[in-house]
Each structure stands twice: as C-alpha cells, then as structure tokens.
C-alpha cells in the first residue's frame, strides 16, 4: 500500500480548515485516513504538526503531496534535507 501525507479539508462553507493526514494514495480525498498528523488554519495562518510522526511516515515511504510539502516548508516544520532523505 502506498501512502501519502496530504491535506484534508474540513470546516463549513467559506470557513476552511485543513487536517494533515496520512492516507492510502488510492483513497478519496474526503475518505478515511490512517493517522492525523496535524492541522492548518488558513484564516489565522496557524499550523500545528507532529514533526516526529511526519518524519516517521516519510521514513516508512510515505510521499508528501505538493500542497503538504509546500505548507510544511513555508512554516519551517521540515527542511529540504529532511524531506529528501
């Protein structure tokens, strides 16, 4: 099973809120997820993420989606060295 770390949108209409989750790459974007790794609130520009668990999943072979990678790099949660290794 190939896994991806990606954003899952929650929240009401016009009030976005995102979860950072690990999911099967073939699963629906709004479907089940394996583990919740953090959250992102674009309205207040705040993020909460478990760096150790993210690195653990990357070590197990999980791939970051483009949006999750950009978000984690911009907020300095991860560095490029940690992602590429």
N, C-alpha and C. Protein backbone atom coordinates (compact mmCIF):
# COMPACT_ATOMS: atom_id res chain seq x y z
N UNK A 1 0.85 -1.17 0.00
CA UNK A 1 0.00 0.00 0.00
C UNK A 1 0.90 1.24 0.00
N UNK A 2 0.71 2.10 -0.98
CA UNK A 2 1.46 3.35 -0.99
C UNK A 2 0.67 4.41 -0.25
N UNK A 3 1.37 5.16 0.57
CA UNK A 3 0.71 6.15 1.41
C UNK A 3 1.16 7.55 1.03
N UNK A 4 0.29 8.51 1.30
CA UNK A 4 0.59 9.91 1.04
C UNK A 4 0.23 10.74 2.26
N UNK A 5 1.01 11.78 2.47
CA UNK A 5 0.70 12.77 3.50
C UNK A 5 0.10 13.94 2.75
N UNK A 6 -1.17 14.24 3.05
CA UNK A 6 -1.85 15.30 2.31
C UNK A 6 -2.82 16.05 3.20
N UNK A 7 -3.41 17.09 2.64
CA UNK A 7 -4.37 17.91 3.38
C UNK A 7 -5.78 17.40 3.13
N UNK A 8 -6.59 17.40 4.19
CA UNK A 8 -7.99 17.02 4.08
C UNK A 8 -8.81 18.21 4.55
N UNK A 9 -9.65 18.75 3.67
CA UNK A 9 -10.41 19.94 4.02
C UNK A 9 -11.59 19.57 4.91
N UNK A 10 -11.74 20.35 5.97
CA UNK A 10 -12.90 20.25 6.84
C UNK A 10 -13.41 21.66 7.05
N UNK A 11 -14.37 21.85 7.89
CA UNK A 11 -14.88 23.19 8.15
C UNK A 11 -16.11 23.48 7.32
N UNK A 12 -16.77 24.55 7.65
CA UNK A 12 -18.00 24.94 6.99
C UNK A 12 -17.72 25.68 5.68
N UNK A 13 -18.78 25.95 4.96
CA UNK A 13 -18.67 26.71 3.72
C UNK A 13 -18.06 28.08 4.00
N UNK A 14 -17.07 28.44 3.22
CA UNK A 14 -16.33 29.71 3.35
C UNK A 14 -15.55 29.83 4.66
N UNK A 15 -15.40 28.75 5.41
CA UNK A 15 -14.58 28.72 6.63
C UNK A 15 -13.66 27.50 6.57
N UNK A 16 -12.63 27.56 5.72
CA UNK A 16 -11.80 26.37 5.53
C UNK A 16 -10.93 26.05 6.75
N UNK A 17 -10.70 24.77 6.93
CA UNK A 17 -9.81 24.26 7.96
C UNK A 17 -9.28 22.94 7.40
N UNK A 18 -8.00 22.69 7.57
CA UNK A 18 -7.40 21.50 6.97
C UNK A 18 -6.75 20.64 8.02
N UNK A 19 -6.85 19.32 7.83
CA UNK A 19 -6.12 18.34 8.62
C UNK A 19 -4.96 17.84 7.78
N UNK A 20 -3.83 17.61 8.41
CA UNK A 20 -2.70 16.96 7.73
C UNK A 20 -2.81 15.49 8.10
N UNK A 21 -3.05 14.64 7.09
CA UNK A 21 -3.33 13.23 7.36
C UNK A 21 -2.46 12.32 6.49
N UNK A 22 -2.31 11.08 6.96
CA UNK A 22 -1.69 10.03 6.17
C UNK A 22 -2.83 9.17 5.64
N UNK A 23 -2.82 8.93 4.33
CA UNK A 23 -3.89 8.16 3.72
C UNK A 23 -3.35 7.28 2.61
N UNK A 24 -4.11 6.29 2.24
CA UNK A 24 -3.78 5.45 1.09
C UNK A 24 -3.87 6.35 -0.14
N UNK A 25 -2.90 6.24 -1.03
CA UNK A 25 -2.86 7.13 -2.19
C UNK A 25 -4.05 6.91 -3.12
N UNK A 26 -4.69 5.75 -3.06
CA UNK A 26 -5.82 5.47 -3.94
C UNK A 26 -7.15 5.89 -3.33
N UNK A 27 -7.15 6.29 -2.05
CA UNK A 27 -8.38 6.64 -1.35
C UNK A 27 -8.87 8.02 -1.78
N UNK A 28 -10.16 8.25 -1.58
CA UNK A 28 -10.77 9.53 -1.88
C UNK A 28 -10.17 10.62 -0.99
N UNK A 29 -10.15 11.83 -1.48
CA UNK A 29 -9.61 12.95 -0.71
C UNK A 29 -10.43 13.16 0.56
N UNK A 30 -11.73 12.92 0.49
CA UNK A 30 -12.59 13.09 1.66
C UNK A 30 -12.83 11.78 2.39
N UNK A 31 -12.11 10.73 2.01
CA UNK A 31 -12.32 9.42 2.60
C UNK A 31 -11.60 9.22 3.92
N UNK A 32 -11.48 7.94 4.30
CA UNK A 32 -10.82 7.58 5.55
C UNK A 32 -9.33 7.91 5.49
N UNK A 33 -8.76 8.13 6.66
CA UNK A 33 -7.33 8.34 6.74
C UNK A 33 -6.75 7.40 7.79
N UNK A 34 -5.45 7.16 7.69
CA UNK A 34 -4.78 6.23 8.59
C UNK A 34 -4.45 6.92 9.92
N UNK A 35 -3.87 8.13 9.83
CA UNK A 35 -3.48 8.84 11.04
C UNK A 35 -3.52 10.34 10.79
N UNK A 36 -3.95 11.08 11.79
CA UNK A 36 -3.95 12.54 11.74
C UNK A 36 -2.62 13.02 12.29
N UNK A 37 -1.92 13.86 11.51
CA UNK A 37 -0.59 14.34 11.91
C UNK A 37 -0.58 15.81 12.33
N UNK A 38 -1.64 16.53 12.03
CA UNK A 38 -1.65 17.94 12.40
C UNK A 38 -2.84 18.65 11.78
N UNK A 39 -2.79 19.97 11.81
CA UNK A 39 -3.87 20.80 11.27
C UNK A 39 -3.29 22.10 10.73
N UNK A 40 -4.10 22.78 9.90
CA UNK A 40 -3.72 24.07 9.33
C UNK A 40 -4.97 24.94 9.22
N UNK A 41 -4.89 26.16 9.76
CA UNK A 41 -5.98 27.12 9.67
C UNK A 41 -5.54 28.27 8.77
N UNK A 42 -6.00 28.32 7.51
CA UNK A 42 -5.55 29.36 6.59
C UNK A 42 -6.07 30.76 6.94
N UNK A 43 -7.14 30.85 7.71
CA UNK A 43 -7.67 32.18 8.05
C UNK A 43 -6.78 32.88 9.06
N UNK A 44 -6.26 32.16 10.04
CA UNK A 44 -5.38 32.78 11.03
C UNK A 44 -3.91 32.49 10.75
N UNK A 45 -3.63 31.74 9.67
CA UNK A 45 -2.26 31.39 9.26
C UNK A 45 -1.51 30.67 10.38
N UNK A 46 -2.17 29.70 11.03
CA UNK A 46 -1.56 28.91 12.09
C UNK A 46 -1.52 27.45 11.68
N UNK A 47 -0.51 26.76 12.18
CA UNK A 47 -0.35 25.35 11.88
C UNK A 47 0.10 24.62 13.13
N UNK A 48 -0.34 23.39 13.25
CA UNK A 48 0.11 22.51 14.32
C UNK A 48 0.42 21.16 13.70
N UNK A 49 1.65 20.70 13.85
CA UNK A 49 2.04 19.44 13.22
C UNK A 49 2.99 18.68 14.12
N UNK A 50 2.89 17.35 14.09
CA UNK A 50 3.76 16.48 14.86
C UNK A 50 4.93 16.08 13.97
N UNK A 51 6.04 16.81 14.11
CA UNK A 51 7.21 16.62 13.25
C UNK A 51 7.76 15.20 13.33
N UNK A 52 7.82 14.63 14.53
CA UNK A 52 8.37 13.29 14.69
C UNK A 52 7.56 12.25 13.92
N UNK A 53 6.23 12.35 14.00
CA UNK A 53 5.37 11.39 13.29
C UNK A 53 5.46 11.59 11.78
N UNK A 54 5.58 12.84 11.32
CA UNK A 54 5.72 13.09 9.88
C UNK A 54 7.01 12.47 9.38
N UNK A 55 8.11 12.69 10.10
CA UNK A 55 9.39 12.10 9.69
C UNK A 55 9.35 10.58 9.75
N UNK A 56 8.63 10.03 10.72
CA UNK A 56 8.48 8.58 10.82
C UNK A 56 7.77 8.03 9.59
N UNK A 57 6.70 8.68 9.17
CA UNK A 57 5.96 8.22 7.99
C UNK A 57 6.77 8.39 6.72
N UNK A 58 7.54 9.47 6.62
CA UNK A 58 8.42 9.65 5.45
C UNK A 58 9.46 8.55 5.42
N UNK A 59 9.97 8.18 6.59
CA UNK A 59 10.92 7.08 6.68
C UNK A 59 10.33 5.75 6.27
N UNK A 60 9.04 5.59 6.48
CA UNK A 60 8.35 4.36 6.08
C UNK A 60 7.99 4.35 4.60
N UNK A 61 8.23 5.46 3.90
CA UNK A 61 7.98 5.51 2.47
C UNK A 61 6.80 6.36 2.04
N UNK A 62 6.16 7.07 2.95
CA UNK A 62 5.04 7.93 2.58
C UNK A 62 5.54 9.12 1.76
N UNK A 63 4.78 9.49 0.76
CA UNK A 63 5.11 10.63 -0.09
C UNK A 63 4.29 11.84 0.33
N UNK A 64 4.90 13.02 0.30
CA UNK A 64 4.18 14.26 0.60
C UNK A 64 3.49 14.76 -0.66
N UNK A 65 2.25 15.21 -0.52
CA UNK A 65 1.60 15.86 -1.65
C UNK A 65 2.26 17.23 -1.85
N UNK A 66 2.06 17.82 -3.01
CA UNK A 66 2.67 19.12 -3.29
C UNK A 66 2.22 20.19 -2.31
N UNK A 67 0.92 20.21 -1.98
CA UNK A 67 0.41 21.23 -1.07
C UNK A 67 0.92 21.02 0.35
N UNK A 68 1.00 19.77 0.80
CA UNK A 68 1.52 19.50 2.15
C UNK A 68 3.01 19.83 2.24
N UNK A 69 3.76 19.50 1.20
CA UNK A 69 5.19 19.79 1.20
C UNK A 69 5.44 21.30 1.25
N UNK A 70 4.71 22.04 0.43
CA UNK A 70 4.86 23.50 0.39
C UNK A 70 4.49 24.12 1.75
N UNK A 71 3.42 23.64 2.35
CA UNK A 71 2.97 24.15 3.63
C UNK A 71 4.00 23.89 4.73
N UNK A 72 4.52 22.67 4.80
CA UNK A 72 5.49 22.32 5.85
C UNK A 72 6.82 23.03 5.66
N UNK A 73 7.22 23.28 4.42
CA UNK A 73 8.45 24.03 4.17
C UNK A 73 8.28 25.51 4.50
N UNK A 74 7.15 26.11 4.12
CA UNK A 74 6.92 27.53 4.36
C UNK A 74 6.83 27.87 5.84
N UNK A 75 6.29 26.96 6.65
CA UNK A 75 6.17 27.21 8.08
C UNK A 75 7.36 26.65 8.86
N UNK A 76 8.41 26.21 8.15
CA UNK A 76 9.65 25.70 8.74
C UNK A 76 9.43 24.52 9.68
N UNK A 77 8.43 23.71 9.39
CA UNK A 77 8.22 22.48 10.16
C UNK A 77 9.28 21.46 9.73
N UNK A 78 9.51 21.38 8.43
CA UNK A 78 10.52 20.48 7.85
C UNK A 78 11.49 21.27 7.00
N UNK A 79 12.69 20.72 6.82
CA UNK A 79 13.66 21.32 5.90
C UNK A 79 13.75 20.45 4.67
N UNK A 80 14.36 20.98 3.62
CA UNK A 80 14.51 20.20 2.38
C UNK A 80 15.35 18.96 2.60
N UNK A 81 16.32 19.02 3.50
CA UNK A 81 17.17 17.86 3.79
C UNK A 81 16.36 16.73 4.41
N UNK A 82 15.42 17.06 5.29
CA UNK A 82 14.62 16.05 5.94
C UNK A 82 13.64 15.38 4.98
N UNK A 83 13.17 16.13 4.01
CA UNK A 83 12.23 15.58 3.04
C UNK A 83 12.91 14.66 2.05
N UNK A 84 14.10 15.03 1.61
CA UNK A 84 14.78 14.25 0.58
C UNK A 84 15.41 12.97 1.10
N UNK A 85 15.67 12.88 2.40
CA UNK A 85 16.33 11.69 2.93
C UNK A 85 15.35 10.57 3.19
